Amino acid sequence: MDLAIVDKRRSEKDNVEVMNIIGDVRGRDVVILDDMITTGGTLVKAARAVSEKGARSVVACATHAVFAGDACRLIQESPIREVVVTNSLPFTRFDECPKVEVLDVSRLIAEAIKRIHYNESVSTLFV
């Protein structure tokens, strides 16, 4: 699988500027991976940048869906086709954010807690 990197800089606390796309996304289906979506600003700027470089489609994945402020509106108005997040934080804004798909990780987290309690391997859950 090919890899491209969105090089970004924070000029201020909440202001992100996409500097470069490292790699070729032209004609590709792009998956943007992030740890957390708070305002959606960084994600949407990255999606626009890869779209401008010729990406065929854009899907985003993140672990934590904070979705503060106008995040849903920004994502709805963006070139992102779908956003996949986990339920590590409660997400209830489905009416505002129809592009969002939430994956349940409760069993995985419960199993990790159990293994930690019994001093068993957690890494084998992911291998």
C-alpha atoms as a PDB file:
ATOM      1  CA  MET A   1       0.000   0.000   0.000  1.00  0.00           C
ATOM      2  CA  ASP A   2       1.285   3.453  -0.842  1.00  0.00           C
ATOM      3  CA  LEU A   3       1.668   6.205   1.728  1.00  0.00           C
ATOM      4  CA  ALA A   4       1.284   9.948   1.472  1.00  0.00           C
ATOM      5  CA  ILE A   5       1.781  12.436   4.286  1.00  0.00           C
ATOM      6  CA  VAL A   6       0.041  15.765   4.837  1.00  0.00           C
ATOM      7  CA  ASP A   7       2.660  18.136   6.220  1.00  0.00           C
ATOM      8  CA  LYS A   8       0.944  20.695   8.446  1.00  0.00           C
ATOM      9  CA  ARG A   9       1.999  23.553  10.668  1.00  0.00           C
ATOM     10  CA  ARG A  10       0.155  25.228  13.504  1.00  0.00           C
ATOM     11  CA  SER A  11       0.593  28.986  13.213  1.00  0.00           C
ATOM     12  CA  GLU A  12      -1.577  29.483  16.316  1.00  0.00           C
ATOM     13  CA  LYS A  13      -3.222  27.175  18.841  1.00  0.00           C
ATOM     14  CA  ASP A  14      -6.294  26.463  16.681  1.00  0.00           C
ATOM     15  CA  ASN A  15      -5.039  27.501  13.241  1.00  0.00           C
ATOM     16  CA  VAL A  16      -3.557  24.837  10.979  1.00  0.00           C
ATOM     17  CA  GLU A  17      -1.968  25.394   7.599  1.00  0.00           C
ATOM     18  CA  VAL A  18      -1.323  22.525   5.196  1.00  0.00           C
ATOM     19  CA  MET A  19       2.166  23.026   3.850  1.00  0.00           C
ATOM     20  CA  ASN A  20       2.804  20.039   1.556  1.00  0.00           C
ATOM     21  CA  ILE A  21       1.441  16.723   0.384  1.00  0.00           C
ATOM     22  CA  ILE A  22       4.355  14.287   0.438  1.00  0.00           C
ATOM     23  CA  GLY A  23       3.550  11.475  -1.975  1.00  0.00           C
ATOM     24  CA  ASP A  24       1.266  11.038  -4.966  1.00  0.00           C
ATOM     25  CA  VAL A  25      -2.502  10.918  -4.324  1.00  0.00           C
ATOM     26  CA  ARG A  26      -3.628  11.549  -7.906  1.00  0.00           C
ATOM     27  CA  GLY A  27      -6.370   9.080  -8.870  1.00  0.00           C
ATOM     28  CA  ARG A  28      -6.173   7.358  -5.484  1.00  0.00           C
ATOM     29  CA  ASP A  29      -8.741   6.607  -2.798  1.00  0.00           C
ATOM     30  CA  VAL A  30      -7.252   8.355   0.230  1.00  0.00           C
ATOM     31  CA  VAL A  31      -7.742   7.348   3.869  1.00  0.00           C
ATOM     32  CA  ILE A  32      -6.783  10.051   6.361  1.00  0.00           C
ATOM     33  CA  LEU A  33      -5.894   8.694   9.807  1.00  0.00           C
ATOM     34  CA  ASP A  34      -5.924  10.853  12.926  1.00  0.00           C
ATOM     35  CA  ASP A  35      -6.113  10.352  16.652  1.00  0.00           C
ATOM     36  CA  MET A  36      -8.855  12.877  17.353  1.00  0.00           C
ATOM     37  CA  ILE A  37     -11.292  15.151  15.563  1.00  0.00           C
ATOM     38  CA  THR A  38     -12.024  18.219  17.672  1.00  0.00           C
ATOM     39  CA  THR A  39     -13.077  21.122  15.441  1.00  0.00           C
ATOM     40  CA  GLY A  40     -12.614  19.292  12.140  1.00  0.00           C
ATOM     41  CA  GLY A  41     -10.434  22.099  10.793  1.00  0.00           C
ATOM     42  CA  THR A  42      -7.242  20.089  10.304  1.00  0.00           C
ATOM     43  CA  LEU A  43      -9.109  17.128   8.838  1.00  0.00           C
ATOM     44  CA  VAL A  44     -11.060  19.241   6.344  1.00  0.00           C
ATOM     45  CA  LYS A  45      -7.946  21.168   5.256  1.00  0.00           C
ATOM     46  CA  ALA A  46      -6.108  17.886   4.691  1.00  0.00           C
ATOM     47  CA  ALA A  47      -9.064  16.481   2.723  1.00  0.00           C
ATOM     48  CA  ARG A  48      -9.226  19.574   0.536  1.00  0.00           C
ATOM     49  CA  ALA A  49      -5.479  19.477  -0.043  1.00  0.00           C
ATOM     50  CA  VAL A  50      -5.470  15.851  -1.232  1.00  0.00           C
ATOM     51  CA  SER A  51      -8.579  16.503  -3.341  1.00  0.00           C
ATOM     52  CA  GLU A  52      -6.837  19.439  -5.007  1.00  0.00           C
ATOM     53  CA  LYS A  53      -3.908  17.110  -5.752  1.00  0.00           C
ATOM     54  CA  GLY A  54      -6.281  14.752  -7.592  1.00  0.00           C
ATOM     55  CA  ALA A  55      -7.454  12.224  -5.002  1.00  0.00           C
ATOM     56  CA  ARG A  56     -10.401  10.199  -6.325  1.00  0.00           C
ATOM     57  CA  SER A  57     -12.109   9.976  -2.905  1.00  0.00           C
ATOM     58  CA  VAL A  58     -11.382  10.786   0.734  1.00  0.00           C
ATOM     59  CA  VAL A  59     -12.379   8.796   3.826  1.00  0.00           C
ATOM     60  CA  ALA A  60     -11.253   9.756   7.330  1.00  0.00           C
ATOM     61  CA  CYS A  61     -10.718   7.607  10.425  1.00  0.00           C
ATOM     62  CA  ALA A  62     -10.102   8.786  13.975  1.00  0.00           C
ATOM     63  CA  THR A  63     -10.123   7.224  17.402  1.00  0.00           C
ATOM     64  CA  HIS A  64     -11.795  10.015  19.376  1.00  0.00           C
ATOM     65  CA  ALA A  65     -14.748  12.038  18.020  1.00  0.00           C
ATOM     66  CA  VAL A  66     -14.929  15.273  20.013  1.00  0.00           C
ATOM     67  CA  PHE A  67     -16.729  17.221  17.241  1.00  0.00           C
ATOM     68  CA  ALA A  68     -16.763  20.628  18.943  1.00  0.00           C
ATOM     69  CA  GLY A  69     -18.433  23.709  17.507  1.00  0.00           C
ATOM     70  CA  ASP A  70     -18.962  23.617  13.739  1.00  0.00           C
ATOM     71  CA  ALA A  71     -17.125  20.314  13.172  1.00  0.00           C
ATOM     72  CA  CYS A  72     -20.185  18.568  11.709  1.00  0.00           C
ATOM     73  CA  ARG A  73     -20.951  21.409   9.323  1.00  0.00           C
ATOM     74  CA  LEU A  74     -17.326  21.620   8.171  1.00  0.00           C
ATOM     75  CA  ILE A  75     -17.200  17.888   7.502  1.00  0.00           C
ATOM     76  CA  GLN A  76     -20.578  17.868   5.733  1.00  0.00           C
ATOM     77  CA  GLU A  77     -19.395  20.662   3.424  1.00  0.00           C
ATOM     78  CA  SER A  78     -16.030  18.993   2.757  1.00  0.00           C
ATOM     79  CA  PRO A  79     -14.947  16.509   0.072  1.00  0.00           C
ATOM     80  CA  ILE A  80     -14.815  13.763   2.736  1.00  0.00           C
ATOM     81  CA  ARG A  81     -17.099  10.869   1.770  1.00  0.00           C
ATOM     82  CA  GLU A  82     -17.207   9.203   5.198  1.00  0.00           C
ATOM     83  CA  VAL A  83     -15.720   9.630   8.674  1.00  0.00           C
ATOM     84  CA  VAL A  84     -15.206   6.484  10.774  1.00  0.00           C
ATOM     85  CA  VAL A  85     -14.672   6.969  14.524  1.00  0.00           C
ATOM     86  CA  THR A  86     -14.840   4.819  17.645  1.00  0.00           C
ATOM     87  CA  ASN A  87     -17.208   5.204  20.558  1.00  0.00           C
ATOM     88  CA  SER A  88     -14.342   6.007  22.938  1.00  0.00           C
ATOM     89  CA  LEU A  89     -16.354   9.207  23.454  1.00  0.00           C
ATOM     90  CA  PRO A  90     -20.153   9.288  23.222  1.00  0.00           C
ATOM     91  CA  PHE A  91     -21.369  10.487  19.818  1.00  0.00           C
ATOM     92  CA  THR A  92     -25.004  11.499  19.383  1.00  0.00           C
ATOM     93  CA  ARG A  93     -24.941  14.066  16.558  1.00  0.00           C
ATOM     94  CA  PHE A  94     -25.996  11.651  13.796  1.00  0.00           C
ATOM     95  CA  ASP A  95     -28.656  14.019  12.423  1.00  0.00           C
ATOM     96  CA  GLU A  96     -26.052  16.759  11.970  1.00  0.00           C
ATOM     97  CA  CYS A  97     -23.323  14.402  10.773  1.00  0.00           C
ATOM     98  CA  PRO A  98     -24.704  11.743   8.429  1.00  0.00           C
ATOM     99  CA  LYS A  99     -21.187  11.093   7.072  1.00  0.00           C
ATOM    100  CA  VAL A 100     -20.095   9.707  10.459  1.00  0.00           C
ATOM    101  CA  GLU A 101     -19.942   5.968  11.162  1.00  0.00           C
ATOM    102  CA  VAL A 102     -19.241   4.913  14.774  1.00  0.00           C
ATOM    103  CA  LEU A 103     -17.487   1.638  15.568  1.00  0.00           C
ATOM    104  CA  ASP A 104     -18.052   0.019  18.970  1.00  0.00           C
ATOM    105  CA  VAL A 105     -14.789  -0.704  20.801  1.00  0.00           C
ATOM    106  CA  SER A 106     -16.341  -1.529  24.185  1.00  0.00           C
ATOM    107  CA  ARG A 107     -15.516  -5.259  24.041  1.00  0.00           C
ATOM    108  CA  LEU A 108     -11.935  -4.520  23.028  1.00  0.00           C
ATOM    109  CA  ILE A 109     -11.471  -2.061  25.900  1.00  0.00           C
ATOM    110  CA  ALA A 110     -13.108  -4.467  28.358  1.00  0.00           C
ATOM    111  CA  GLU A 111     -10.802  -7.279  27.245  1.00  0.00           C
ATOM    112  CA  ALA A 112      -7.758  -5.013  27.586  1.00  0.00           C
ATOM    113  CA  ILE A 113      -8.789  -4.046  31.126  1.00  0.00           C
ATOM    114  CA  LYS A 114      -9.298  -7.708  32.026  1.00  0.00           C
ATOM    115  CA  ARG A 115      -5.878  -8.672  30.648  1.00  0.00           C
ATOM    116  CA  ILE A 116      -4.176  -5.854  32.518  1.00  0.00           C
ATOM    117  CA  HIS A 117      -5.915  -6.929  35.726  1.00  0.00           C
ATOM    118  CA  TYR A 118      -4.749 -10.529  35.294  1.00  0.00           C
ATOM    119  CA  ASN A 119      -1.259  -9.463  34.117  1.00  0.00           C
ATOM    120  CA  GLU A 120      -1.813 -10.950  30.649  1.00  0.00           C
ATOM    121  CA  SER A 121      -0.623  -9.667  27.278  1.00  0.00           C
ATOM    122  CA  VAL A 122      -2.554  -6.747  25.822  1.00  0.00           C
ATOM    123  CA  SER A 123      -0.457  -6.591  22.656  1.00  0.00           C
ATOM    124  CA  THR A 124      -1.793  -9.952  21.461  1.00  0.00           C
ATOM    125  CA  LEU A 125      -5.194  -8.254  21.032  1.00  0.00           C
ATOM    126  CA  PHE A 126      -3.700  -6.283  18.149  1.00  0.00           C
ATOM    127  CA  VAL A 127      -1.379  -8.813  16.505  1.00  0.00           C
END
